């Protein structure tokens, strides 16, 4: 906790697949599925992760734009938290390249990160239960996820930095997701630490 910092400059060496895998495992994997109980009103399938989530509904999905990672081809990926694997959606396309460039502008750094995490929320997953609280709850969940990623990345000697920008249209084009059902609600860039950090 005391060592947690935002790091904006990527190191000379890329993030390694083992580091990225450890980060995802300790932060976002699904540890347990709790099935809905038949015949119980308002019962639903819930999932437990290392991070807290209201109602264990897990409405946040994680997408990664990987520019450089030792052991992984560059491209656009979705993290499958149940199987703990990266699913390649596309190569780095024009929209994803622009998102990586936007990181440079937002962070004040001239070099894009090794990996850009994009968090997409499925609003419908929460709306039937939490109604008027959905957007506020999603933002809280993104904050919990980012804090967990910061702490685990720090323990792994990686360089995380959350961003206060984002572009839903570019995210939609990079991932081919419908922005009305899967809206981008947060970004975090990740690189190997640079010397002196």
N, C-alpha and C. Protein backbone atom coordinates (compact mmCIF):
# COMPACT_ATOMS: atom_id res chain seq x y z
N UNK A 1 0.83 -1.21 0.00
CA UNK A 1 0.00 0.00 0.00
C UNK A 1 0.86 1.25 0.00
N UNK A 2 1.92 1.25 0.81
CA UNK A 2 2.77 2.44 0.91
C UNK A 2 3.57 2.67 -0.37
N UNK A 3 3.84 1.62 -1.13
CA UNK A 3 4.64 1.75 -2.35
C UNK A 3 3.81 2.02 -3.60
N UNK A 4 2.49 1.99 -3.49
CA UNK A 4 1.64 2.16 -4.66
C UNK A 4 1.82 3.54 -5.28
N UNK A 5 2.11 3.58 -6.56
CA UNK A 5 2.29 4.83 -7.30
C UNK A 5 1.75 4.64 -8.72
N UNK A 6 1.45 5.76 -9.36
CA UNK A 6 1.15 5.75 -10.79
C UNK A 6 2.46 5.94 -11.54
N UNK A 7 2.72 5.07 -12.49
CA UNK A 7 3.93 5.14 -13.32
C UNK A 7 3.51 5.40 -14.75
N UNK A 8 4.00 6.46 -15.31
CA UNK A 8 3.56 6.85 -16.66
C UNK A 8 4.53 6.44 -17.77
N UNK A 9 5.78 6.16 -17.42
CA UNK A 9 6.78 5.83 -18.44
C UNK A 9 6.99 4.32 -18.51
N UNK A 10 6.84 3.72 -19.69
CA UNK A 10 7.14 2.29 -19.82
C UNK A 10 8.63 2.03 -19.69
N UNK A 11 8.98 0.88 -19.17
CA UNK A 11 10.37 0.48 -19.11
C UNK A 11 10.88 0.04 -20.47
N UNK A 12 12.19 -0.20 -20.53
CA UNK A 12 12.77 -0.64 -21.80
C UNK A 12 12.33 -2.05 -22.15
N UNK A 13 12.20 -2.90 -21.13
CA UNK A 13 11.78 -4.28 -21.35
C UNK A 13 10.25 -4.36 -21.33
N UNK A 14 9.68 -5.26 -22.11
CA UNK A 14 8.21 -5.40 -22.09
C UNK A 14 7.73 -6.17 -20.86
N UNK A 15 6.46 -6.04 -20.57
CA UNK A 15 5.80 -6.90 -19.58
C UNK A 15 5.93 -8.34 -20.06
N UNK A 16 6.08 -9.27 -19.13
CA UNK A 16 6.16 -10.69 -19.47
C UNK A 16 4.79 -11.36 -19.27
N UNK A 17 4.53 -12.41 -20.03
CA UNK A 17 3.25 -13.10 -19.95
C UNK A 17 3.00 -13.63 -18.53
N UNK A 18 4.04 -14.09 -17.84
CA UNK A 18 3.87 -14.59 -16.48
C UNK A 18 3.40 -13.48 -15.54
N UNK A 19 3.96 -12.27 -15.71
CA UNK A 19 3.54 -11.14 -14.88
C UNK A 19 2.09 -10.77 -15.16
N UNK A 20 1.75 -10.70 -16.43
CA UNK A 20 0.38 -10.36 -16.80
C UNK A 20 -0.59 -11.42 -16.30
N UNK A 21 -0.22 -12.68 -16.44
CA UNK A 21 -1.06 -13.77 -15.96
C UNK A 21 -1.24 -13.73 -14.44
N UNK A 22 -0.15 -13.45 -13.72
CA UNK A 22 -0.23 -13.35 -12.26
C UNK A 22 -1.12 -12.19 -11.84
N UNK A 23 -1.01 -11.07 -12.55
CA UNK A 23 -1.83 -9.90 -12.25
C UNK A 23 -3.32 -10.21 -12.45
N UNK A 24 -3.66 -10.83 -13.56
CA UNK A 24 -5.05 -11.18 -13.83
C UNK A 24 -5.57 -12.23 -12.85
N UNK A 25 -4.73 -13.21 -12.52
CA UNK A 25 -5.12 -14.28 -11.61
C UNK A 25 -5.43 -13.73 -10.22
N UNK A 26 -4.59 -12.84 -9.73
CA UNK A 26 -4.75 -12.31 -8.37
C UNK A 26 -5.78 -11.19 -8.28
N UNK A 27 -6.30 -10.76 -9.42
CA UNK A 27 -7.22 -9.62 -9.42
C UNK A 27 -8.60 -9.94 -9.98
N UNK A 28 -8.66 -10.62 -11.11
CA UNK A 28 -9.92 -10.66 -11.86
C UNK A 28 -10.46 -12.05 -12.18
N UNK A 29 -9.76 -13.10 -11.83
CA UNK A 29 -10.28 -14.43 -12.17
C UNK A 29 -11.54 -14.73 -11.37
N UNK A 30 -12.36 -15.59 -11.90
CA UNK A 30 -13.53 -16.05 -11.15
C UNK A 30 -13.10 -17.26 -10.33
N UNK A 31 -13.27 -17.14 -9.02
CA UNK A 31 -12.86 -18.20 -8.10
C UNK A 31 -13.96 -19.24 -7.89
N UNK A 32 -15.20 -18.78 -7.98
CA UNK A 32 -16.32 -19.68 -7.69
C UNK A 32 -17.59 -19.15 -8.34
N UNK A 33 -18.39 -20.05 -8.88
CA UNK A 33 -19.71 -19.71 -9.41
C UNK A 33 -20.75 -20.24 -8.43
N UNK A 34 -21.68 -19.39 -8.07
CA UNK A 34 -22.80 -19.81 -7.23
C UNK A 34 -24.05 -19.79 -8.08
N UNK A 35 -24.58 -20.97 -8.41
CA UNK A 35 -25.74 -21.03 -9.31
C UNK A 35 -27.00 -20.45 -8.66
N UNK A 36 -27.90 -20.03 -9.52
CA UNK A 36 -29.21 -19.57 -9.04
C UNK A 36 -29.93 -20.74 -8.38
N UNK A 37 -30.74 -20.42 -7.39
CA UNK A 37 -31.49 -21.45 -6.68
C UNK A 37 -32.88 -21.56 -7.31
N UNK A 38 -33.19 -22.70 -7.91
CA UNK A 38 -34.50 -22.87 -8.55
C UNK A 38 -35.63 -22.67 -7.53
N UNK A 39 -36.63 -21.92 -7.96
CA UNK A 39 -37.79 -21.70 -7.12
C UNK A 39 -37.66 -20.57 -6.11
N UNK A 40 -36.46 -19.98 -6.01
CA UNK A 40 -36.25 -18.87 -5.08
C UNK A 40 -36.41 -17.56 -5.85
N UNK A 41 -37.34 -16.73 -5.42
CA UNK A 41 -37.62 -15.47 -6.10
C UNK A 41 -36.37 -14.60 -6.11
N UNK A 42 -36.10 -14.01 -7.25
CA UNK A 42 -34.97 -13.09 -7.46
C UNK A 42 -33.61 -13.74 -7.23
N UNK A 43 -33.53 -15.06 -7.31
CA UNK A 43 -32.25 -15.74 -7.23
C UNK A 43 -31.56 -15.65 -8.58
N UNK A 44 -30.26 -15.52 -8.58
CA UNK A 44 -29.50 -15.39 -9.82
C UNK A 44 -28.12 -16.03 -9.64
N UNK A 45 -27.48 -16.31 -10.77
CA UNK A 45 -26.13 -16.85 -10.73
C UNK A 45 -25.18 -15.75 -10.28
N UNK A 46 -24.31 -16.06 -9.34
CA UNK A 46 -23.33 -15.10 -8.85
C UNK A 46 -21.93 -15.68 -9.04
N UNK A 47 -20.94 -14.80 -9.08
CA UNK A 47 -19.55 -15.23 -9.25
C UNK A 47 -18.66 -14.47 -8.28
N UNK A 48 -17.72 -15.19 -7.69
CA UNK A 48 -16.80 -14.57 -6.73
C UNK A 48 -15.44 -14.39 -7.39
N UNK A 49 -14.86 -13.20 -7.18
CA UNK A 49 -13.53 -12.86 -7.66
C UNK A 49 -12.70 -12.38 -6.47
N UNK A 50 -11.40 -12.18 -6.65
CA UNK A 50 -10.60 -11.59 -5.57
C UNK A 50 -11.04 -10.16 -5.21
N UNK A 51 -11.70 -9.47 -6.13
CA UNK A 51 -12.18 -8.11 -5.86
C UNK A 51 -13.65 -8.16 -5.48
N UNK A 52 -14.06 -7.23 -4.62
CA UNK A 52 -15.45 -7.16 -4.21
C UNK A 52 -16.34 -6.65 -5.34
N UNK A 53 -17.61 -7.05 -5.30
CA UNK A 53 -18.57 -6.62 -6.31
C UNK A 53 -19.97 -6.74 -5.72
N UNK A 54 -20.75 -5.66 -5.77
CA UNK A 54 -22.10 -5.67 -5.22
C UNK A 54 -22.94 -6.78 -5.80
N UNK A 55 -23.46 -7.64 -4.93
CA UNK A 55 -24.30 -8.74 -5.38
C UNK A 55 -23.55 -9.84 -6.11
N UNK A 56 -22.22 -9.75 -6.19
CA UNK A 56 -21.38 -10.72 -6.92
C UNK A 56 -21.89 -10.94 -8.33
N UNK A 57 -22.37 -9.84 -8.97
CA UNK A 57 -22.95 -9.95 -10.31
C UNK A 57 -21.92 -9.83 -11.42
N UNK A 58 -20.75 -9.27 -11.12
CA UNK A 58 -19.61 -9.21 -12.05
C UNK A 58 -19.99 -8.66 -13.42
N UNK A 59 -20.46 -7.43 -13.42
CA UNK A 59 -20.90 -6.79 -14.67
C UNK A 59 -19.75 -6.18 -15.46
N UNK A 60 -18.55 -6.15 -14.88
CA UNK A 60 -17.40 -5.53 -15.56
C UNK A 60 -16.60 -6.61 -16.29
N UNK A 61 -16.41 -6.41 -17.59
CA UNK A 61 -15.55 -7.28 -18.40
C UNK A 61 -14.26 -6.53 -18.70
N UNK A 62 -13.18 -7.28 -18.84
CA UNK A 62 -11.86 -6.68 -19.06
C UNK A 62 -11.37 -6.99 -20.46
N UNK A 63 -10.98 -5.93 -21.16
CA UNK A 63 -10.39 -6.03 -22.49
C UNK A 63 -8.98 -5.46 -22.42
N UNK A 64 -8.05 -6.07 -23.13
CA UNK A 64 -6.67 -5.64 -23.10
C UNK A 64 -6.20 -5.33 -24.51
N UNK A 65 -5.63 -4.16 -24.69
CA UNK A 65 -4.95 -3.81 -25.93
C UNK A 65 -3.48 -4.03 -25.65
N UNK A 66 -2.93 -5.07 -26.20
CA UNK A 66 -1.54 -5.44 -25.91
C UNK A 66 -0.66 -4.96 -27.06
N UNK A 67 0.21 -4.01 -26.72
CA UNK A 67 1.18 -3.49 -27.69
C UNK A 67 2.43 -4.34 -27.68
N UNK A 68 2.94 -4.62 -26.47
CA UNK A 68 4.09 -5.50 -26.35
C UNK A 68 4.02 -6.23 -25.02
N UNK A 69 4.16 -7.55 -25.12
CA UNK A 69 4.17 -8.41 -23.94
C UNK A 69 4.93 -9.67 -24.35
N UNK A 70 6.00 -9.94 -23.66
CA UNK A 70 6.82 -11.11 -23.99
C UNK A 70 5.99 -12.38 -23.79
N UNK A 71 5.77 -13.10 -24.88
CA UNK A 71 5.00 -14.33 -24.83
C UNK A 71 3.58 -14.20 -25.36
N UNK A 72 3.16 -12.98 -25.74
CA UNK A 72 1.81 -12.76 -26.28
C UNK A 72 1.91 -11.88 -27.53
N UNK A 73 1.24 -12.28 -28.59
CA UNK A 73 1.23 -11.45 -29.80
C UNK A 73 0.44 -10.17 -29.53
N UNK A 74 0.85 -9.08 -30.14
CA UNK A 74 0.11 -7.83 -29.97
C UNK A 74 -1.30 -8.02 -30.54
N UNK A 75 -2.25 -7.28 -29.97
CA UNK A 75 -3.61 -7.39 -30.44
C UNK A 75 -4.61 -6.95 -29.41
N UNK A 76 -5.88 -7.14 -29.74
CA UNK A 76 -7.01 -6.81 -28.87
C UNK A 76 -7.52 -8.12 -28.27
N UNK A 77 -7.62 -8.18 -26.95
CA UNK A 77 -8.00 -9.39 -26.25
C UNK A 77 -9.13 -9.13 -25.25
N UNK A 78 -9.89 -10.17 -24.98
CA UNK A 78 -10.83 -10.17 -23.86
C UNK A 78 -10.32 -11.18 -22.85
N UNK A 79 -10.33 -10.79 -21.58
CA UNK A 79 -9.92 -11.72 -20.53
C UNK A 79 -11.10 -12.58 -20.13
N UNK A 80 -10.92 -13.89 -20.22
CA UNK A 80 -11.94 -14.84 -19.79
C UNK A 80 -11.61 -15.22 -18.35
N UNK A 81 -12.35 -14.65 -17.37
CA UNK A 81 -11.99 -14.86 -15.97
C UNK A 81 -12.32 -16.25 -15.44
N UNK A 82 -13.20 -16.96 -16.11
CA UNK A 82 -13.57 -18.30 -15.67
C UNK A 82 -12.48 -19.31 -16.04
N UNK A 83 -11.96 -19.19 -17.25
CA UNK A 83 -10.92 -20.11 -17.72
C UNK A 83 -9.51 -19.53 -17.54
N UNK A 84 -9.43 -18.29 -17.06
CA UNK A 84 -8.15 -17.58 -16.88
C UNK A 84 -7.32 -17.65 -18.16
N UNK A 85 -7.89 -17.06 -19.22
CA UNK A 85 -7.19 -17.04 -20.50
C UNK A 85 -7.52 -15.76 -21.25
N UNK A 86 -6.62 -15.40 -22.15
CA UNK A 86 -6.85 -14.26 -23.03
C UNK A 86 -7.42 -14.78 -24.35
N UNK A 87 -8.51 -14.17 -24.80
CA UNK A 87 -9.13 -14.53 -26.06
C UNK A 87 -8.85 -13.41 -27.07
N UNK A 88 -8.14 -13.74 -28.12
CA UNK A 88 -7.77 -12.72 -29.11
C UNK A 88 -8.96 -12.37 -29.98
N UNK A 89 -9.29 -11.08 -30.02
CA UNK A 89 -10.41 -10.61 -30.82
C UNK A 89 -9.96 -10.09 -32.18
N UNK A 90 -8.78 -9.47 -32.20
CA UNK A 90 -8.32 -8.80 -33.43
C UNK A 90 -6.87 -8.41 -33.26
N UNK A 91 -6.25 -8.09 -34.37
CA UNK A 91 -4.93 -7.46 -34.30
C UNK A 91 -5.13 -6.01 -33.83
N UNK A 92 -4.05 -5.31 -33.52
CA UNK A 92 -4.18 -3.90 -33.19
C UNK A 92 -4.64 -3.17 -34.45
N UNK A 93 -5.85 -2.63 -34.41
CA UNK A 93 -6.42 -1.94 -35.56
C UNK A 93 -6.28 -0.43 -35.38
N UNK A 94 -6.79 0.32 -36.30
CA UNK A 94 -6.66 1.78 -36.24
C UNK A 94 -7.27 2.36 -34.97
N UNK A 95 -8.42 1.85 -34.56
CA UNK A 95 -9.08 2.36 -33.35
C UNK A 95 -8.26 2.05 -32.11
N UNK A 96 -7.72 0.82 -32.03
CA UNK A 96 -6.92 0.46 -30.85
C UNK A 96 -5.61 1.24 -30.82
N UNK A 97 -5.01 1.46 -31.97
CA UNK A 97 -3.78 2.28 -32.04
C UNK A 97 -4.07 3.70 -31.56
N UNK A 98 -5.24 4.24 -31.91
CA UNK A 98 -5.61 5.58 -31.47
C UNK A 98 -5.83 5.61 -29.95
N UNK A 99 -6.43 4.56 -29.41
CA UNK A 99 -6.61 4.48 -27.95
C UNK A 99 -5.26 4.46 -27.24
N UNK A 100 -4.31 3.71 -27.78
CA UNK A 100 -2.96 3.69 -27.20
C UNK A 100 -2.30 5.06 -27.29
N UNK A 101 -2.50 5.75 -28.41
CA UNK A 101 -1.96 7.10 -28.57
C UNK A 101 -2.63 8.07 -27.59
N UNK A 102 -3.92 7.90 -27.36
CA UNK A 102 -4.64 8.74 -26.41
C UNK A 102 -4.06 8.59 -25.00
N UNK A 103 -3.53 7.40 -24.68
CA UNK A 103 -2.87 7.20 -23.39
C UNK A 103 -1.68 8.13 -23.24
N UNK A 104 -0.94 8.29 -24.33
CA UNK A 104 0.22 9.20 -24.30
C UNK A 104 -0.24 10.61 -23.97
N UNK A 105 -1.30 11.05 -24.62
CA UNK A 105 -1.82 12.40 -24.39
C UNK A 105 -2.33 12.55 -22.97
N UNK A 106 -3.04 11.54 -22.46
CA UNK A 106 -3.63 11.63 -21.12
C UNK A 106 -2.57 11.57 -20.02
N UNK A 107 -1.51 10.79 -20.25
CA UNK A 107 -0.50 10.61 -19.21
C UNK A 107 0.66 11.58 -19.33
N UNK A 108 0.72 12.33 -20.44
CA UNK A 108 1.83 13.26 -20.64
C UNK A 108 3.12 12.57 -21.01
N UNK A 109 3.02 11.34 -21.51
CA UNK A 109 4.19 10.57 -21.89
C UNK A 109 4.16 10.33 -23.39
N UNK A 110 5.31 10.33 -24.02
CA UNK A 110 5.37 10.19 -25.47
C UNK A 110 5.32 8.76 -25.97
N UNK A 111 5.40 7.79 -25.07
CA UNK A 111 5.43 6.40 -25.49
C UNK A 111 4.21 5.66 -24.95
N UNK A 112 3.49 4.93 -25.80
CA UNK A 112 2.30 4.22 -25.31
C UNK A 112 2.68 3.09 -24.35
N UNK A 113 1.75 2.67 -23.51
CA UNK A 113 2.03 1.60 -22.56
C UNK A 113 2.17 0.25 -23.26
N UNK A 114 2.69 -0.72 -22.52
CA UNK A 114 2.76 -2.08 -23.04
C UNK A 114 1.35 -2.65 -23.22
N UNK A 115 0.50 -2.40 -22.21
CA UNK A 115 -0.85 -2.95 -22.19
C UNK A 115 -1.82 -1.88 -21.73
N UNK A 116 -2.94 -1.78 -22.40
CA UNK A 116 -4.01 -0.88 -21.97
C UNK A 116 -5.21 -1.75 -21.58
N UNK A 117 -5.58 -1.68 -20.29
CA UNK A 117 -6.78 -2.35 -19.80
C UNK A 117 -7.97 -1.44 -20.08
N UNK A 118 -9.03 -2.00 -20.64
CA UNK A 118 -10.28 -1.29 -20.87
C UNK A 118 -11.38 -2.08 -20.15
N UNK A 119 -12.14 -1.40 -19.32
CA UNK A 119 -13.18 -2.06 -18.55
C UNK A 119 -14.54 -1.69 -19.13
N UNK A 120 -15.29 -2.70 -19.51
CA UNK A 120 -16.61 -2.49 -20.13
C UNK A 120 -17.68 -3.01 -19.19
N UNK A 121 -18.72 -2.22 -19.02
CA UNK A 121 -19.82 -2.59 -18.13
C UNK A 121 -21.04 -3.04 -18.91
N UNK A 122 -21.63 -4.12 -18.45
CA UNK A 122 -22.91 -4.60 -18.99
C UNK A 122 -24.00 -4.09 -18.03
N UNK A 123 -24.56 -2.94 -18.36
CA UNK A 123 -25.53 -2.28 -17.49
C UNK A 123 -26.73 -3.18 -17.17
N UNK A 124 -27.17 -3.93 -18.14
CA UNK A 124 -28.34 -4.78 -17.95
C UNK A 124 -28.15 -5.83 -16.87
N UNK A 125 -26.91 -6.22 -16.63
CA UNK A 125 -26.62 -7.22 -15.61
C UNK A 125 -27.03 -6.75 -14.21
N UNK A 126 -26.94 -5.42 -13.98
CA UNK A 126 -27.26 -4.86 -12.67
C UNK A 126 -28.63 -4.21 -12.59
N UNK A 127 -29.14 -3.74 -13.71
CA UNK A 127 -30.29 -2.84 -13.68
C UNK A 127 -31.56 -3.45 -13.08
N UNK A 128 -31.78 -4.74 -13.26
CA UNK A 128 -33.00 -5.36 -12.72
C UNK A 128 -33.00 -5.38 -11.20
N UNK A 129 -31.80 -5.39 -10.58
CA UNK A 129 -31.73 -5.49 -9.13
C UNK A 129 -31.50 -4.13 -8.46
N UNK A 130 -30.62 -3.32 -9.05
CA UNK A 130 -30.21 -2.08 -8.39
C UNK A 130 -30.85 -0.83 -8.96
N UNK A 131 -31.56 -0.94 -10.04
CA UNK A 131 -32.33 0.12 -10.69
C UNK A 131 -31.62 1.47 -10.68
N UNK A 132 -31.99 2.41 -9.82
CA UNK A 132 -31.45 3.77 -9.86
C UNK A 132 -30.01 3.92 -9.45
N UNK A 133 -29.38 2.86 -8.96
CA UNK A 133 -27.99 2.93 -8.48
C UNK A 133 -26.97 2.40 -9.47
N UNK A 134 -27.40 1.97 -10.63
CA UNK A 134 -26.54 1.20 -11.52
C UNK A 134 -25.25 1.93 -11.87
N UNK A 135 -25.33 3.15 -12.38
CA UNK A 135 -24.13 3.84 -12.84
C UNK A 135 -23.17 4.09 -11.68
N UNK A 136 -23.69 4.54 -10.55
CA UNK A 136 -22.83 4.79 -9.38
C UNK A 136 -22.16 3.50 -8.91
N UNK A 137 -22.90 2.40 -8.93
CA UNK A 137 -22.35 1.13 -8.49
C UNK A 137 -21.26 0.64 -9.45
N UNK A 138 -21.47 0.81 -10.74
CA UNK A 138 -20.47 0.43 -11.74
C UNK A 138 -19.17 1.21 -11.50
N UNK A 139 -19.28 2.50 -11.28
CA UNK A 139 -18.07 3.30 -11.04
C UNK A 139 -17.34 2.86 -9.78
N UNK A 140 -18.08 2.49 -8.75
CA UNK A 140 -17.45 1.96 -7.53
C UNK A 140 -16.73 0.66 -7.83
N UNK A 141 -17.36 -0.20 -8.60
CA UNK A 141 -16.74 -1.48 -8.94
C UNK A 141 -15.46 -1.27 -9.75
N UNK A 142 -15.47 -0.34 -10.69
CA UNK A 142 -14.27 -0.05 -11.47
C UNK A 142 -13.17 0.46 -10.55
N UNK A 143 -13.52 1.29 -9.58
CA UNK A 143 -12.53 1.78 -8.62
C UNK A 143 -11.92 0.66 -7.81
N UNK A 144 -12.74 -0.30 -7.38
CA UNK A 144 -12.23 -1.44 -6.61
C UNK A 144 -11.29 -2.27 -7.48
N UNK A 145 -11.66 -2.49 -8.72
CA UNK A 145 -10.80 -3.25 -9.65
C UNK A 145 -9.47 -2.54 -9.86
N UNK A 146 -9.53 -1.23 -10.08
CA UNK A 146 -8.28 -0.49 -10.32
C UNK A 146 -7.37 -0.53 -9.09
N UNK A 147 -7.94 -0.38 -7.91
CA UNK A 147 -7.13 -0.44 -6.70
C UNK A 147 -6.46 -1.82 -6.57
N UNK A 148 -7.20 -2.87 -6.83
CA UNK A 148 -6.62 -4.22 -6.77
C UNK A 148 -5.50 -4.37 -7.78
N UNK A 149 -5.72 -3.90 -9.01
CA UNK A 149 -4.68 -3.98 -10.04
C UNK A 149 -3.45 -3.19 -9.64
N UNK A 150 -3.65 -1.99 -9.06
CA UNK A 150 -2.53 -1.19 -8.59
C UNK A 150 -1.70 -1.96 -7.56
N UNK A 151 -2.35 -2.54 -6.57
CA UNK A 151 -1.64 -3.20 -5.48
C UNK A 151 -0.91 -4.45 -5.97
N UNK A 152 -1.57 -5.26 -6.79
CA UNK A 152 -0.93 -6.47 -7.30
C UNK A 152 0.20 -6.10 -8.26
N UNK A 153 -0.03 -5.12 -9.13
CA UNK A 153 1.03 -4.68 -10.05
C UNK A 153 2.25 -4.17 -9.29
N UNK A 154 2.01 -3.45 -8.22
CA UNK A 154 3.11 -2.95 -7.39
C UNK A 154 3.90 -4.13 -6.81
N UNK A 155 3.19 -5.14 -6.31
CA UNK A 155 3.86 -6.32 -5.76
C UNK A 155 4.66 -7.07 -6.83
N UNK A 156 4.23 -6.98 -8.09
CA UNK A 156 4.91 -7.65 -9.20
C UNK A 156 5.96 -6.76 -9.87
N UNK A 157 6.24 -5.59 -9.29
CA UNK A 157 7.21 -4.62 -9.85
C UNK A 157 6.82 -4.19 -11.26
N UNK A 158 5.53 -4.00 -11.47
CA UNK A 158 5.03 -3.47 -12.73
C UNK A 158 4.66 -2.01 -12.55
N UNK A 159 4.37 -1.34 -13.64
CA UNK A 159 4.08 0.10 -13.63
C UNK A 159 2.64 0.36 -14.07
N UNK A 160 1.70 0.47 -13.12
CA UNK A 160 0.31 0.76 -13.47
C UNK A 160 0.03 2.27 -13.44
N UNK A 161 -0.96 2.69 -14.18
CA UNK A 161 -1.42 4.08 -14.13
C UNK A 161 -2.86 4.13 -14.65
N UNK A 162 -3.77 4.51 -13.77
CA UNK A 162 -5.16 4.65 -14.21
C UNK A 162 -5.30 5.95 -14.99
N UNK A 163 -6.27 5.99 -15.87
CA UNK A 163 -6.49 7.16 -16.71
C UNK A 163 -7.88 7.72 -16.47
N UNK A 164 -7.99 9.02 -16.55
CA UNK A 164 -9.28 9.68 -16.37
C UNK A 164 -9.92 10.08 -17.67
N UNK A 165 -9.47 9.47 -18.74
CA UNK A 165 -10.03 9.78 -20.06
C UNK A 165 -10.67 8.52 -20.61
N UNK A 166 -10.91 8.48 -21.84
CA UNK A 166 -11.51 7.31 -22.49
C UNK A 166 -12.31 7.76 -23.68
N UNK A 167 -12.56 6.84 -24.56
CA UNK A 167 -13.31 7.15 -25.76
C UNK A 167 -14.18 5.95 -26.10
N UNK A 168 -15.46 6.04 -25.74
CA UNK A 168 -16.37 4.91 -25.93
C UNK A 168 -16.51 4.51 -27.39
N UNK A 169 -16.49 5.50 -28.28
CA UNK A 169 -16.64 5.20 -29.71
C UNK A 169 -15.42 4.43 -30.22
N UNK A 170 -14.21 4.88 -29.86
CA UNK A 170 -13.00 4.17 -30.27
C UNK A 170 -12.96 2.76 -29.66
N UNK A 171 -13.35 2.65 -28.39
CA UNK A 171 -13.38 1.34 -27.74
C UNK A 171 -14.33 0.41 -28.49
N UNK A 172 -15.49 0.91 -28.86
CA UNK A 172 -16.46 0.11 -29.60
C UNK A 172 -15.89 -0.35 -30.93
N UNK A 173 -15.19 0.54 -31.63
CA UNK A 173 -14.59 0.18 -32.91
C UNK A 173 -13.43 -0.79 -32.74
N UNK A 174 -12.66 -0.65 -31.66
CA UNK A 174 -11.51 -1.53 -31.43
C UNK A 174 -11.95 -2.95 -31.09
N UNK A 175 -13.08 -3.09 -30.41
CA UNK A 175 -13.53 -4.40 -29.92
C UNK A 175 -14.73 -4.97 -30.67
N UNK A 176 -15.37 -4.17 -31.51
CA UNK A 176 -16.60 -4.54 -32.21
C UNK A 176 -17.76 -4.81 -31.26
N UNK A 177 -17.74 -4.16 -30.09
CA UNK A 177 -18.84 -4.29 -29.13
C UNK A 177 -19.86 -3.18 -29.34
N UNK A 178 -21.09 -3.45 -28.98
CA UNK A 178 -22.14 -2.46 -29.05
C UNK A 178 -22.02 -1.54 -27.83
N UNK A 179 -21.79 -0.24 -28.03
CA UNK A 179 -21.61 0.66 -26.89
C UNK A 179 -22.87 0.83 -26.04
N UNK A 180 -24.01 0.42 -26.55
CA UNK A 180 -25.24 0.52 -25.76
C UNK A 180 -25.39 -0.64 -24.78
N UNK A 181 -24.68 -1.74 -25.03
CA UNK A 181 -24.75 -2.88 -24.12
C UNK A 181 -23.45 -3.11 -23.37
N UNK A 182 -22.32 -2.71 -23.94
CA UNK A 182 -21.00 -2.88 -23.32
C UNK A 182 -20.26 -1.55 -23.39
N UNK A 183 -20.48 -0.71 -22.41
CA UNK A 183 -19.90 0.63 -22.42
C UNK A 183 -18.57 0.66 -21.68
N UNK A 184 -17.60 1.33 -22.27
CA UNK A 184 -16.29 1.48 -21.63
C UNK A 184 -16.43 2.44 -20.45
N UNK A 185 -16.02 1.99 -19.26
CA UNK A 185 -16.19 2.80 -18.05
C UNK A 185 -14.88 3.05 -17.31
N UNK A 186 -13.75 2.61 -17.85
CA UNK A 186 -12.49 2.87 -17.18
C UNK A 186 -11.32 2.33 -17.98
N UNK A 187 -10.14 2.93 -17.73
CA UNK A 187 -8.91 2.54 -18.42
C UNK A 187 -7.76 2.53 -17.43
N UNK A 188 -6.85 1.59 -17.63
CA UNK A 188 -5.63 1.54 -16.83
C UNK A 188 -4.51 1.08 -17.74
N UNK A 189 -3.41 1.82 -17.74
CA UNK A 189 -2.29 1.39 -18.56
C UNK A 189 -1.27 0.67 -17.68
N UNK A 190 -0.56 -0.28 -18.30
CA UNK A 190 0.38 -1.11 -17.57
C UNK A 190 1.62 -1.34 -18.43
N UNK A 191 2.77 -1.20 -17.79
CA UNK A 191 4.04 -1.47 -18.45
C UNK A 191 4.99 -2.08 -17.43
N UNK A 192 6.14 -2.52 -17.93
CA UNK A 192 7.22 -2.87 -17.01
C UNK A 192 7.78 -1.56 -16.46
N UNK A 193 8.33 -1.61 -15.26
CA UNK A 193 8.87 -0.39 -14.66
C UNK A 193 10.12 0.05 -15.39
N UNK A 194 10.26 1.39 -15.50
CA UNK A 194 11.47 1.94 -16.09
C UNK A 194 12.53 2.04 -15.01
N UNK A 195 13.78 2.14 -15.41
CA UNK A 195 14.88 2.25 -14.45
C UNK A 195 14.70 3.51 -13.62
N UNK A 196 14.92 3.40 -12.34
CA UNK A 196 14.79 4.55 -11.46
C UNK A 196 13.43 4.70 -10.83
N UNK A 197 12.45 3.89 -11.28
CA UNK A 197 11.10 3.95 -10.65
C UNK A 197 11.09 3.15 -9.36
